[in-house]
Amino acid sequence: MLGPRESSLWHMISAPTIWALHFCVVYGWTASVCARGPDPAAARLGIGIATAVALLGIAVVGWRAWRQWDYLDDYDYEHDGPSVEDRREFLGHAGWLLAIVSAIGVIFVGMPALFIETCL
């Protein structure tokens, strides 16, 4: 039987949710810092911290999804059966793939911190 975490879709979409929150925080932080005065160092620091926290959260979510997928147990990519195990592994597989895409998105959103020279 699936546990509450393994049967819920919320854990599967938590990585994209972290990505979306990171996007809002980074752009909101940058806008507020640059509106107060041109301080690219503060903008870089805030983007760096938010990116590190988001990547850590996505890594935790991705690791849990990888363990739920349990690929190394049977090296099975197909989860099309009506069994409880197939549903559990499908949710883990989808969550792991979403974590990868979300990590790439967070990296791309955080990359401007490397290039900010001025807020103007």
PDB file of N, CA and C in Angstrom:
ATOM      1  N   MET A   1       0.842  -1.185   0.000  1.00  0.00           N
ATOM      2  CA  MET A   1       0.000   0.000   0.000  1.00  0.00           C
ATOM      3  C   MET A   1       0.889   1.250   0.000  1.00  0.00           C
ATOM      4  N   LEU A   2       0.454   2.245  -0.719  1.00  0.00           N
ATOM      5  CA  LEU A   2       1.208   3.488  -0.800  1.00  0.00           C
ATOM      6  C   LEU A   2       1.007   4.323   0.452  1.00  0.00           C
ATOM      7  N   GLY A   3       2.094   4.912   0.913  1.00  0.00           N
ATOM      8  CA  GLY A   3       2.003   5.840   2.030  1.00  0.00           C
ATOM      9  C   GLY A   3       1.439   7.166   1.549  1.00  0.00           C
ATOM     10  N   PRO A   4       1.130   8.071   2.462  1.00  0.00           N
ATOM     11  CA  PRO A   4       0.556   9.355   2.058  1.00  0.00           C
ATOM     12  C   PRO A   4       1.489  10.163   1.168  1.00  0.00           C
ATOM     13  N   ARG A   5       2.802  10.100   1.435  1.00  0.00           N
ATOM     14  CA  ARG A   5       3.740  10.859   0.618  1.00  0.00           C
ATOM     15  C   ARG A   5       3.889  10.224  -0.759  1.00  0.00           C
ATOM     16  N   GLU A   6       3.902   8.922  -0.821  1.00  0.00           N
ATOM     17  CA  GLU A   6       4.120   8.219  -2.082  1.00  0.00           C
ATOM     18  C   GLU A   6       2.918   8.257  -3.008  1.00  0.00           C
ATOM     19  N   SER A   7       1.731   8.455  -2.472  1.00  0.00           N
ATOM     20  CA  SER A   7       0.537   8.461  -3.309  1.00  0.00           C
ATOM     21  C   SER A   7       0.092   9.873  -3.676  1.00  0.00           C
ATOM     22  N   SER A   8       0.718  10.868  -3.111  1.00  0.00           N
ATOM     23  CA  SER A   8       0.316  12.249  -3.350  1.00  0.00           C
ATOM     24  C   SER A   8       1.036  12.827  -4.560  1.00  0.00           C
ATOM     25  N   LEU A   9       0.311  13.656  -5.282  1.00  0.00           N
ATOM     26  CA  LEU A   9       0.935  14.350  -6.405  1.00  0.00           C
ATOM     27  C   LEU A   9       1.729  15.561  -5.947  1.00  0.00           C
ATOM     28  N   TRP A  10       1.525  16.001  -4.713  1.00  0.00           N
ATOM     29  CA  TRP A  10       2.205  17.191  -4.218  1.00  0.00           C
ATOM     30  C   TRP A  10       3.708  17.006  -4.166  1.00  0.00           C
ATOM     31  N   HIS A  11       4.160  15.825  -3.760  1.00  0.00           N
ATOM     32  CA  HIS A  11       5.610  15.638  -3.705  1.00  0.00           C
ATOM     33  C   HIS A  11       6.208  15.596  -5.103  1.00  0.00           C
ATOM     34  N   MET A  12       5.424  15.200  -6.082  1.00  0.00           N
ATOM     35  CA  MET A  12       5.910  15.160  -7.456  1.00  0.00           C
ATOM     36  C   MET A  12       6.079  16.574  -8.015  1.00  0.00           C
ATOM     37  N   ILE A  13       5.212  17.499  -7.629  1.00  0.00           N
ATOM     38  CA  ILE A  13       5.299  18.855  -8.179  1.00  0.00           C
ATOM     39  C   ILE A  13       6.013  19.823  -7.245  1.00  0.00           C
ATOM     40  N   SER A  14       6.610  19.320  -6.181  1.00  0.00           N
ATOM     41  CA  SER A  14       7.288  20.233  -5.257  1.00  0.00           C
ATOM     42  C   SER A  14       8.546  20.837  -5.858  1.00  0.00           C
ATOM     43  N   ALA A  15       9.278  20.119  -6.706  1.00  0.00           N
ATOM     44  CA  ALA A  15      10.470  20.703  -7.347  1.00  0.00           C
ATOM     45  C   ALA A  15      10.096  21.856  -8.286  1.00  0.00           C
ATOM     46  N   PRO A  16       9.100  21.696  -9.163  1.00  0.00           N
ATOM     47  CA  PRO A  16       8.703  22.858  -9.970  1.00  0.00           C
ATOM     48  C   PRO A  16       8.142  24.008  -9.133  1.00  0.00           C
ATOM     49  N   THR A  17       7.548  23.705  -7.999  1.00  0.00           N
ATOM     50  CA  THR A  17       7.064  24.756  -7.111  1.00  0.00           C
ATOM     51  C   THR A  17       8.237  25.535  -6.517  1.00  0.00           C
ATOM     52  N   ILE A  18       9.292  24.819  -6.132  1.00  0.00           N
ATOM     53  CA  ILE A  18      10.500  25.490  -5.640  1.00  0.00           C
ATOM     54  C   ILE A  18      11.087  26.366  -6.736  1.00  0.00           C
ATOM     55  N   TRP A  19      11.105  25.862  -7.949  1.00  0.00           N
ATOM     56  CA  TRP A  19      11.618  26.628  -9.088  1.00  0.00           C
ATOM     57  C   TRP A  19      10.812  27.917  -9.270  1.00  0.00           C
ATOM     58  N   ALA A  20       9.486  27.812  -9.237  1.00  0.00           N
ATOM     59  CA  ALA A  20       8.625  28.989  -9.410  1.00  0.00           C
ATOM     60  C   ALA A  20       8.828  29.995  -8.280  1.00  0.00           C
ATOM     61  N   LEU A  21       8.926  29.511  -7.047  1.00  0.00           N
ATOM     62  CA  LEU A  21       9.171  30.411  -5.921  1.00  0.00           C
ATOM     63  C   LEU A  21      10.538  31.082  -6.053  1.00  0.00           C
ATOM     64  N   HIS A  22      11.525  30.331  -6.494  1.00  0.00           N
ATOM     65  CA  HIS A  22      12.864  30.896  -6.705  1.00  0.00           C
ATOM     66  C   HIS A  22      12.804  31.999  -7.750  1.00  0.00           C
ATOM     67  N   PHE A  23      12.086  31.764  -8.822  1.00  0.00           N
ATOM     68  CA  PHE A  23      11.939  32.770  -9.877  1.00  0.00           C
ATOM     69  C   PHE A  23      11.352  34.062  -9.306  1.00  0.00           C
ATOM     70  N   CYS A  24      10.265  33.937  -8.542  1.00  0.00           N
ATOM     71  CA  CYS A  24       9.616  35.119  -7.963  1.00  0.00           C
ATOM     72  C   CYS A  24      10.524  35.824  -6.967  1.00  0.00           C
ATOM     73  N   VAL A  25      11.202  35.065  -6.130  1.00  0.00           N
ATOM     74  CA  VAL A  25      12.086  35.666  -5.129  1.00  0.00           C
ATOM     75  C   VAL A  25      13.243  36.390  -5.800  1.00  0.00           C
ATOM     76  N   VAL A  26      13.873  35.761  -6.791  1.00  0.00           N
ATOM     77  CA  VAL A  26      15.031  36.375  -7.447  1.00  0.00           C
ATOM     78  C   VAL A  26      14.644  37.661  -8.163  1.00  0.00           C
ATOM     79  N   TYR A  27      13.578  37.632  -8.923  1.00  0.00           N
ATOM     80  CA  TYR A  27      13.200  38.829  -9.649  1.00  0.00           C
ATOM     81  C   TYR A  27      12.642  39.905  -8.730  1.00  0.00           C
ATOM     82  N   GLY A  28      11.935  39.516  -7.690  1.00  0.00           N
ATOM     83  CA  GLY A  28      11.461  40.493  -6.715  1.00  0.00           C
ATOM     84  C   GLY A  28      12.607  41.115  -5.937  1.00  0.00           C
ATOM     85  N   TRP A  29      13.553  40.292  -5.512  1.00  0.00           N
ATOM     86  CA  TRP A  29      14.723  40.789  -4.788  1.00  0.00           C
ATOM     87  C   TRP A  29      15.532  41.754  -5.655  1.00  0.00           C
ATOM     88  N   THR A  30      15.795  41.348  -6.883  1.00  0.00           N
ATOM     89  CA  THR A  30      16.590  42.192  -7.774  1.00  0.00           C
ATOM     90  C   THR A  30      15.891  43.518  -8.039  1.00  0.00           C
ATOM     91  N   ALA A  31      14.604  43.481  -8.256  1.00  0.00           N
ATOM     92  CA  ALA A  31      13.855  44.715  -8.510  1.00  0.00           C
ATOM     93  C   ALA A  31      13.871  45.626  -7.288  1.00  0.00           C
ATOM     94  N   SER A  32      13.693  45.053  -6.111  1.00  0.00           N
ATOM     95  CA  SER A  32      13.667  45.897  -4.915  1.00  0.00           C
ATOM     96  C   SER A  32      15.055  46.461  -4.586  1.00  0.00           C
ATOM     97  N   VAL A  33      16.097  45.664  -4.763  1.00  0.00           N
ATOM     98  CA  VAL A  33      17.453  46.151  -4.490  1.00  0.00           C
ATOM     99  C   VAL A  33      17.841  47.235  -5.487  1.00  0.00           C
ATOM    100  N   CYS A  34      17.553  47.015  -6.742  1.00  0.00           N
ATOM    101  CA  CYS A  34      17.927  47.993  -7.767  1.00  0.00           C
ATOM    102  C   CYS A  34      17.053  49.245  -7.704  1.00  0.00           C
ATOM    103  N   ALA A  35      15.839  49.155  -7.174  1.00  0.00           N
ATOM    104  CA  ALA A  35      14.982  50.332  -7.044  1.00  0.00           C
ATOM    105  C   ALA A  35      15.474  51.245  -5.921  1.00  0.00           C
ATOM    106  N   ARG A  36      16.064  50.666  -4.883  1.00  0.00           N
ATOM    107  CA  ARG A  36      16.572  51.461  -3.764  1.00  0.00           C
ATOM    108  C   ARG A  36      17.863  52.190  -4.116  1.00  0.00           C
ATOM    109  N   GLY A  37      18.575  51.668  -5.048  1.00  0.00           N
ATOM    110  CA  GLY A  37      19.847  52.268  -5.436  1.00  0.00           C
ATOM    111  C   GLY A  37      20.679  51.229  -6.173  1.00  0.00           C
ATOM    112  N   PRO A  38      21.539  51.662  -7.030  1.00  0.00           N
ATOM    113  CA  PRO A  38      22.311  50.701  -7.810  1.00  0.00           C
ATOM    114  C   PRO A  38      23.346  49.980  -6.938  1.00  0.00           C
ATOM    115  N   ASP A  39      22.984  48.803  -6.449  1.00  0.00           N
ATOM    116  CA  ASP A  39      23.882  48.010  -5.615  1.00  0.00           C
ATOM    117  C   ASP A  39      23.929  46.582  -6.159  1.00  0.00           C
ATOM    118  N   PRO A  40      24.701  46.361  -7.221  1.00  0.00           N
ATOM    119  CA  PRO A  40      24.732  45.035  -7.818  1.00  0.00           C
ATOM    120  C   PRO A  40      25.317  43.966  -6.902  1.00  0.00           C
ATOM    121  N   ALA A  41      26.155  44.346  -5.942  1.00  0.00           N
ATOM    122  CA  ALA A  41      26.717  43.359  -5.017  1.00  0.00           C
ATOM    123  C   ALA A  41      25.620  42.739  -4.150  1.00  0.00           C
ATOM    124  N   ALA A  42      24.695  43.564  -3.671  1.00  0.00           N
ATOM    125  CA  ALA A  42      23.579  43.047  -2.867  1.00  0.00           C
ATOM    126  C   ALA A  42      22.658  42.188  -3.717  1.00  0.00           C
ATOM    127  N   ALA A  43      22.449  42.587  -4.950  1.00  0.00           N
ATOM    128  CA  ALA A  43      21.617  41.782  -5.848  1.00  0.00           C
ATOM    129  C   ALA A  43      22.265  40.422  -6.094  1.00  0.00           C
ATOM    130  N   ARG A  44      23.570  40.415  -6.336  1.00  0.00           N
ATOM    131  CA  ARG A  44      24.286  39.153  -6.557  1.00  0.00           C
ATOM    132  C   ARG A  44      24.215  38.255  -5.339  1.00  0.00           C
ATOM    133  N   LEU A  45      24.421  38.834  -4.172  1.00  0.00           N
ATOM    134  CA  LEU A  45      24.395  38.046  -2.941  1.00  0.00           C
ATOM    135  C   LEU A  45      23.017  37.414  -2.720  1.00  0.00           C
ATOM    136  N   GLY A  46      21.975  38.203  -2.889  1.00  0.00           N
ATOM    137  CA  GLY A  46      20.623  37.671  -2.717  1.00  0.00           C
ATOM    138  C   GLY A  46      20.288  36.582  -3.714  1.00  0.00           C
ATOM    139  N   ILE A  47      20.668  36.780  -4.967  1.00  0.00           N
ATOM    140  CA  ILE A  47      20.418  35.761  -5.999  1.00  0.00           C
ATOM    141  C   ILE A  47      21.199  34.500  -5.680  1.00  0.00           C
ATOM    142  N   GLY A  48      22.441  34.657  -5.246  1.00  0.00           N
ATOM    143  CA  GLY A  48      23.256  33.484  -4.911  1.00  0.00           C
ATOM    144  C   GLY A  48      22.687  32.682  -3.761  1.00  0.00           C
ATOM    145  N   ILE A  49      22.251  33.370  -2.717  1.00  0.00           N
ATOM    146  CA  ILE A  49      21.670  32.669  -1.562  1.00  0.00           C
ATOM    147  C   ILE A  49      20.371  31.971  -1.957  1.00  0.00           C
ATOM    148  N   ALA A  50      19.501  32.677  -2.670  1.00  0.00           N
ATOM    149  CA  ALA A  50      18.228  32.071  -3.088  1.00  0.00           C
ATOM    150  C   ALA A  50      18.469  30.871  -3.994  1.00  0.00           C
ATOM    151  N   THR A  51      19.453  30.961  -4.872  1.00  0.00           N
ATOM    152  CA  THR A  51      19.746  29.853  -5.781  1.00  0.00           C
ATOM    153  C   THR A  51      20.284  28.652  -5.020  1.00  0.00           C
ATOM    154  N   ALA A  52      21.174  28.893  -4.059  1.00  0.00           N
ATOM    155  CA  ALA A  52      21.718  27.783  -3.271  1.00  0.00           C
ATOM    156  C   ALA A  52      20.627  27.078  -2.468  1.00  0.00           C
ATOM    157  N   VAL A  53      19.748  27.858  -1.859  1.00  0.00           N
ATOM    158  CA  VAL A  53      18.652  27.272  -1.072  1.00  0.00           C
ATOM    159  C   VAL A  53      17.706  26.478  -1.977  1.00  0.00           C
ATOM    160  N   ALA A  54      17.368  27.034  -3.139  1.00  0.00           N
ATOM    161  CA  ALA A  54      16.463  26.350  -4.060  1.00  0.00           C
ATOM    162  C   ALA A  54      17.087  25.054  -4.579  1.00  0.00           C
ATOM    163  N   LEU A  55      18.365  25.092  -4.926  1.00  0.00           N
ATOM    164  CA  LEU A  55      19.024  23.873  -5.416  1.00  0.00           C
ATOM    165  C   LEU A  55      19.114  22.800  -4.331  1.00  0.00           C
ATOM    166  N   LEU A  56      19.332  23.219  -3.102  1.00  0.00           N
ATOM    167  CA  LEU A  56      19.343  22.257  -2.005  1.00  0.00           C
ATOM    168  C   LEU A  56      17.968  21.610  -1.837  1.00  0.00           C
ATOM    169  N   GLY A  57      16.921  22.420  -1.868  1.00  0.00           N
ATOM    170  CA  GLY A  57      15.566  21.873  -1.758  1.00  0.00           C
ATOM    171  C   GLY A  57      15.223  20.935  -2.898  1.00  0.00           C
ATOM    172  N   ILE A  58      15.611  21.294  -4.101  1.00  0.00           N
ATOM    173  CA  ILE A  58      15.339  20.440  -5.260  1.00  0.00           C
ATOM    174  C   ILE A  58      16.148  19.150  -5.172  1.00  0.00           C
ATOM    175  N   ALA A  59      17.365  19.231  -4.664  1.00  0.00           N
ATOM    176  CA  ALA A  59      18.172  18.020  -4.495  1.00  0.00           C
ATOM    177  C   ALA A  59      17.523  17.049  -3.514  1.00  0.00           C
ATOM    178  N   VAL A  60      16.976  17.573  -2.419  1.00  0.00           N
ATOM    179  CA  VAL A  60      16.294  16.715  -1.445  1.00  0.00           C
ATOM    180  C   VAL A  60      15.062  16.065  -2.081  1.00  0.00           C
ATOM    181  N   VAL A  61      14.275  16.862  -2.787  1.00  0.00           N
ATOM    182  CA  VAL A  61      13.077  16.340  -3.441  1.00  0.00           C
ATOM    183  C   VAL A  61      13.462  15.309  -4.503  1.00  0.00           C
ATOM    184  N   GLY A  62      14.492  15.610  -5.281  1.00  0.00           N
ATOM    185  CA  GLY A  62      14.946  14.682  -6.317  1.00  0.00           C
ATOM    186  C   GLY A  62      15.456  13.384  -5.743  1.00  0.00           C
ATOM    187  N   TRP A  63      16.182  13.445  -4.630  1.00  0.00           N
ATOM    188  CA  TRP A  63      16.684  12.228  -3.995  1.00  0.00           C
ATOM    189  C   TRP A  63      15.526  11.364  -3.490  1.00  0.00           C
ATOM    190  N   ARG A  64      14.541  11.987  -2.892  1.00  0.00           N
ATOM    191  CA  ARG A  64      13.379  11.213  -2.424  1.00  0.00           C
ATOM    192  C   ARG A  64      12.628  10.581  -3.593  1.00  0.00           C
ATOM    193  N   ALA A  65      12.517  11.317  -4.695  1.00  0.00           N
ATOM    194  CA  ALA A  65      11.831  10.773  -5.871  1.00  0.00           C
ATOM    195  C   ALA A  65      12.636   9.624  -6.468  1.00  0.00           C
ATOM    196  N   TRP A  66      13.975   9.770  -6.497  1.00  0.00           N
ATOM    197  CA  TRP A  66      14.832   8.692  -7.017  1.00  0.00           C
ATOM    198  C   TRP A  66      14.661   7.418  -6.191  1.00  0.00           C
ATOM    199  N   ARG A  67      14.610   7.572  -4.871  1.00  0.00           N
ATOM    200  CA  ARG A  67      14.418   6.406  -4.005  1.00  0.00           C
ATOM    201  C   ARG A  67      13.040   5.791  -4.209  1.00  0.00           C
ATOM    202  N   GLN A  68      12.037   6.626  -4.443  1.00  0.00           N
ATOM    203  CA  GLN A  68      10.689   6.098  -4.668  1.00  0.00           C
ATOM    204  C   GLN A  68      10.598   5.387  -6.007  1.00  0.00           C
ATOM    205  N   TRP A  69      11.285   5.905  -7.007  1.00  0.00           N
ATOM    206  CA  TRP A  69      11.274   5.279  -8.331  1.00  0.00           C
ATOM    207  C   TRP A  69      11.856   3.874  -8.241  1.00  0.00           C
ATOM    208  N   ASP A  70      12.893   3.702  -7.444  1.00  0.00           N
ATOM    209  CA  ASP A  70      13.494   2.392  -7.201  1.00  0.00           C
ATOM    210  C   ASP A  70      13.978   1.733  -8.484  1.00  0.00           C
ATOM    211  N   TYR A  71      14.613   2.527  -9.328  1.00  0.00           N
ATOM    212  CA  TYR A  71      15.074   2.034 -10.630  1.00  0.00           C
ATOM    213  C   TYR A  71      16.131   0.945 -10.488  1.00  0.00           C
ATOM    214  N   LEU A  72      17.038   1.088  -9.554  1.00  0.00           N
ATOM    215  CA  LEU A  72      18.130   0.129  -9.418  1.00  0.00           C
ATOM    216  C   LEU A  72      17.669  -1.232  -8.920  1.00  0.00           C
ATOM    217  N   ASP A  73      16.442  -1.323  -8.435  1.00  0.00           N
ATOM    218  CA  ASP A  73      15.910  -2.598  -7.973  1.00  0.00           C
ATOM    219  C   ASP A  73      15.657  -3.551  -9.137  1.00  0.00           C
ATOM    220  N   ASP A  74      15.048  -3.029 -10.221  1.00  0.00           N
ATOM    221  CA  ASP A  74      14.693  -3.912 -11.339  1.00  0.00           C
ATOM    222  C   ASP A  74      15.027  -3.327 -12.709  1.00  0.00           C
ATOM    223  N   TYR A  75      15.653  -2.150 -12.743  1.00  0.00           N
ATOM    224  CA  TYR A  75      16.019  -1.474 -14.001  1.00  0.00           C
ATOM    225  C   TYR A  75      14.834  -1.389 -14.962  1.00  0.00           C
ATOM    226  N   ASP A  76      13.699  -1.008 -14.417  1.00  0.00           N
ATOM    227  CA  ASP A  76      12.452  -0.986 -15.187  1.00  0.00           C
ATOM    228  C   ASP A  76      12.051   0.459 -15.461  1.00  0.00           C
ATOM    229  N   TYR A  77      11.910   0.779 -16.757  1.00  0.00           N
ATOM    230  CA  TYR A  77      11.438   2.101 -17.162  1.00  0.00           C
ATOM    231  C   TYR A  77       9.927   2.127 -17.379  1.00  0.00           C
ATOM    232  N   GLU A  78       9.308   0.995 -17.477  1.00  0.00           N
ATOM    233  CA  GLU A  78       7.880   0.942 -17.788  1.00  0.00           C
ATOM    234  C   GLU A  78       7.070   0.820 -16.510  1.00  0.00           C
ATOM    235  N   HIS A  79       6.094   1.703 -16.405  1.00  0.00           N
ATOM    236  CA  HIS A  79       5.221   1.720 -15.226  1.00  0.00           C
ATOM    237  C   HIS A  79       3.780   1.844 -15.692  1.00  0.00           C
ATOM    238  N   ASP A  80       3.380   0.962 -16.583  1.00  0.00           N
ATOM    239  CA  ASP A  80       2.051   1.091 -17.192  1.00  0.00           C
ATOM    240  C   ASP A  80       1.034   0.094 -16.652  1.00  0.00           C
ATOM    241  N   GLY A  81       1.401  -0.669 -15.662  1.00  0.00           N
ATOM    242  CA  GLY A  81       0.461  -1.638 -15.113  1.00  0.00           C
ATOM    243  C   GLY A  81      -0.459  -1.011 -14.084  1.00  0.00           C
ATOM    244  N   PRO A  82      -1.524  -1.725 -13.720  1.00  0.00           N
ATOM    245  CA  PRO A  82      -2.480  -1.192 -12.754  1.00  0.00           C
ATOM    246  C   PRO A  82      -2.097  -1.484 -11.303  1.00  0.00           C
ATOM    247  N   SER A  83      -0.869  -1.908 -11.058  1.00  0.00           N
ATOM    248  CA  SER A  83      -0.486  -2.289  -9.700  1.00  0.00           C
ATOM    249  C   SER A  83      -0.072  -1.060  -8.878  1.00  0.00           C
ATOM    250  N   VAL A  84      -0.070  -1.251  -7.580  1.00  0.00           N
ATOM    251  CA  VAL A  84       0.336  -0.202  -6.654  1.00  0.00           C
ATOM    252  C   VAL A  84       1.816   0.124  -6.866  1.00  0.00           C
ATOM    253  N   GLU A  85       2.633  -0.888  -7.107  1.00  0.00           N
ATOM    254  CA  GLU A  85       4.066  -0.670  -7.329  1.00  0.00           C
ATOM    255  C   GLU A  85       4.314   0.179  -8.574  1.00  0.00           C
ATOM    256  N   ASP A  86       3.570  -0.092  -9.643  1.00  0.00           N
ATOM    257  CA  ASP A  86       3.741   0.696 -10.867  1.00  0.00           C
ATOM    258  C   ASP A  86       3.353   2.158 -10.649  1.00  0.00           C
ATOM    259  N   ARG A  87       2.279   2.395  -9.906  1.00  0.00           N
ATOM    260  CA  ARG A  87       1.879   3.778  -9.617  1.00  0.00           C
ATOM    261  C   ARG A  87       2.933   4.487  -8.780  1.00  0.00           C
ATOM    262  N   ARG A  88       3.452   3.808  -7.767  1.00  0.00           N
ATOM    263  CA  ARG A  88       4.475   4.387  -6.909  1.00  0.00           C
ATOM    264  C   ARG A  88       5.732   4.714  -7.712  1.00  0.00           C
ATOM    265  N   GLU A  89       6.170   3.782  -8.537  1.00  0.00           N
ATOM    266  CA  GLU A  89       7.375   4.011  -9.330  1.00  0.00           C
ATOM    267  C   GLU A  89       7.159   5.091 -10.393  1.00  0.00           C
ATOM    268  N   PHE A  90       5.960   5.164 -10.958  1.00  0.00           N
ATOM    269  CA  PHE A  90       5.679   6.214 -11.938  1.00  0.00           C
ATOM    270  C   PHE A  90       5.771   7.594 -11.293  1.00  0.00           C
ATOM    271  N   LEU A  91       5.162   7.744 -10.109  1.00  0.00           N
ATOM    272  CA  LEU A  91       5.217   9.029  -9.417  1.00  0.00           C
ATOM    273  C   LEU A  91       6.655   9.391  -9.044  1.00  0.00           C
ATOM    274  N   GLY A  92       7.446   8.408  -8.645  1.00  0.00           N
ATOM    275  CA  GLY A  92       8.845   8.664  -8.339  1.00  0.00           C
ATOM    276  C   GLY A  92       9.641   9.041  -9.577  1.00  0.00           C
ATOM    277  N   HIS A  93       9.400   8.344 -10.676  1.00  0.00           N
ATOM    278  CA  HIS A  93      10.096   8.639 -11.933  1.00  0.00           C
ATOM    279  C   HIS A  93       9.749  10.039 -12.427  1.00  0.00           C
ATOM    280  N   ALA A  94       8.481  10.365 -12.435  1.00  0.00           N
ATOM    281  CA  ALA A  94       8.060  11.697 -12.879  1.00  0.00           C
ATOM    282  C   ALA A  94       8.610  12.782 -11.955  1.00  0.00           C
ATOM    283  N   GLY A  95       8.602  12.540 -10.655  1.00  0.00           N
ATOM    284  CA  GLY A  95       9.145  13.510  -9.717  1.00  0.00           C
ATOM    285  C   GLY A  95      10.636  13.718  -9.906  1.00  0.00           C
ATOM    286  N   TRP A  96      11.372  12.651 -10.198  1.00  0.00           N
ATOM    287  CA  TRP A  96      12.812  12.759 -10.420  1.00  0.00           C
ATOM    288  C   TRP A  96      13.104  13.565 -11.681  1.00  0.00           C
ATOM    289  N   LEU A  97      12.355  13.291 -12.756  1.00  0.00           N
ATOM    290  CA  LEU A  97      12.567  14.041 -13.998  1.00  0.00           C
ATOM    291  C   LEU A  97      12.193  15.517 -13.820  1.00  0.00           C
ATOM    292  N   LEU A  98      11.135  15.789 -13.098  1.00  0.00           N
ATOM    293  CA  LEU A  98      10.760  17.181 -12.828  1.00  0.00           C
ATOM    294  C   LEU A  98      11.803  17.880 -11.959  1.00  0.00           C
ATOM    295  N   ALA A  99      12.440  17.142 -11.060  1.00  0.00           N
ATOM    296  CA  ALA A  99      13.500  17.736 -10.243  1.00  0.00           C
ATOM    297  C   ALA A  99      14.697  18.128 -11.109  1.00  0.00           C
ATOM    298  N   ILE A 100      15.027  17.302 -12.099  1.00  0.00           N
ATOM    299  CA  ILE A 100      16.138  17.628 -13.003  1.00  0.00           C
ATOM    300  C   ILE A 100      15.816  18.893 -13.795  1.00  0.00           C
ATOM    301  N   VAL A 101      14.632  18.946 -14.375  1.00  0.00           N
ATOM    302  CA  VAL A 101      14.235  20.120 -15.155  1.00  0.00           C
ATOM    303  C   VAL A 101      14.193  21.362 -14.262  1.00  0.00           C
ATOM    304  N   SER A 102      13.708  21.214 -13.049  1.00  0.00           N
ATOM    305  CA  SER A 102      13.620  22.347 -12.132  1.00  0.00           C
ATOM    306  C   SER A 102      15.010  22.850 -11.731  1.00  0.00           C
ATOM    307  N   ALA A 103      15.942  21.938 -11.515  1.00  0.00           N
ATOM    308  CA  ALA A 103      17.311  22.349 -11.179  1.00  0.00           C
ATOM    309  C   ALA A 103      17.933  23.130 -12.328  1.00  0.00           C
ATOM    310  N   ILE A 104      17.720  22.679 -13.545  1.00  0.00           N
ATOM    311  CA  ILE A 104      18.232  23.407 -14.716  1.00  0.00           C
ATOM    312  C   ILE A 104      17.605  24.794 -14.778  1.00  0.00           C
ATOM    313  N   GLY A 105      16.297  24.888 -14.528  1.00  0.00           N
ATOM    314  CA  GLY A 105      15.616  26.181 -14.530  1.00  0.00           C
ATOM    315  C   GLY A 105      16.148  27.115 -13.463  1.00  0.00           C
ATOM    316  N   VAL A 106      16.406  26.598 -12.261  1.00  0.00           N
ATOM    317  CA  VAL A 106      16.939  27.420 -11.176  1.00  0.00           C
ATOM    318  C   VAL A 106      18.337  27.928 -11.540  1.00  0.00           C
ATOM    319  N   ILE A 107      19.142  27.073 -12.134  1.00  0.00           N
ATOM    320  CA  ILE A 107      20.489  27.494 -12.542  1.00  0.00           C
ATOM    321  C   ILE A 107      20.403  28.619 -13.566  1.00  0.00           C
ATOM    322  N   PHE A 108      19.514  28.484 -14.539  1.00  0.00           N
ATOM    323  CA  PHE A 108      19.389  29.530 -15.552  1.00  0.00           C
ATOM    324  C   PHE A 108      18.833  30.832 -14.974  1.00  0.00           C
ATOM    325  N   VAL A 109      17.909  30.740 -14.030  1.00  0.00           N
ATOM    326  CA  VAL A 109      17.378  31.953 -13.410  1.00  0.00           C
ATOM    327  C   VAL A 109      18.448  32.618 -12.549  1.00  0.00           C
ATOM    328  N   GLY A 110      19.321  31.822 -11.927  1.00  0.00           N
ATOM    329  CA  GLY A 110      20.362  32.377 -11.078  1.00  0.00           C
ATOM    330  C   GLY A 110      21.602  32.850 -11.812  1.00  0.00           C
ATOM    331  N   MET A 111      21.743  32.504 -13.085  1.00  0.00           N
ATOM    332  CA  MET A 111      22.945  32.881 -13.828  1.00  0.00           C
ATOM    333  C   MET A 111      23.188  34.381 -13.965  1.00  0.00           C
ATOM    334  N   PRO A 112      22.169  35.227 -14.020  1.00  0.00           N
ATOM    335  CA  PRO A 112      22.454  36.667 -14.103  1.00  0.00           C
ATOM    336  C   PRO A 112      23.305  37.196 -12.952  1.00  0.00           C
ATOM    337  N   ALA A 113      23.307  36.493 -11.823  1.00  0.00           N
ATOM    338  CA  ALA A 113      24.141  36.936 -10.703  1.00  0.00           C
ATOM    339  C   ALA A 113      25.617  36.942 -11.089  1.00  0.00           C
ATOM    340  N   LEU A 114      25.985  36.112 -12.035  1.00  0.00           N
ATOM    341  CA  LEU A 114      27.374  36.078 -12.479  1.00  0.00           C
ATOM    342  C   LEU A 114      27.730  37.257 -13.372  1.00  0.00           C
ATOM    343  N   PHE A 115      26.712  37.880 -13.965  1.00  0.00           N
ATOM    344  CA  PHE A 115      26.960  38.900 -14.983  1.00  0.00           C
ATOM    345  C   PHE A 115      26.510  40.308 -14.606  1.00  0.00           C
ATOM    346  N   ILE A 116      25.850  40.463 -13.465  1.00  0.00           N
ATOM    347  CA  ILE A 116      25.330  41.790 -13.084  1.00  0.00           C
ATOM    348  C   ILE A 116      26.513  42.722 -12.836  1.00  0.00           C
ATOM    349  N   GLU A 117      26.539  43.816 -13.565  1.00  0.00           N
ATOM    350  CA  GLU A 117      27.542  44.840 -13.331  1.00  0.00           C
ATOM    351  C   GLU A 117      26.919  46.122 -12.784  1.00  0.00           C
ATOM    352  N   THR A 118      25.688  46.374 -13.184  1.00  0.00           N
ATOM    353  CA  THR A 118      24.989  47.563 -12.711  1.00  0.00           C
ATOM    354  C   THR A 118      23.489  47.305 -12.753  1.00  0.00           C
ATOM    355  N   CYS A 119      22.756  48.054 -11.990  1.00  0.00           N
ATOM    356  CA  CYS A 119      21.306  47.916 -11.975  1.00  0.00           C
ATOM    357  C   CYS A 119      20.627  48.824 -12.992  1.00  0.00           C
ATOM    358  N   LEU A 120      21.382  49.637 -13.668  1.00  0.00           N
ATOM    359  CA  LEU A 120      20.793  50.584 -14.606  1.00  0.00           C
ATOM    360  C   LEU A 120      20.509  49.958 -15.937  1.00  0.00           C
TER     361      LEU A 120
END
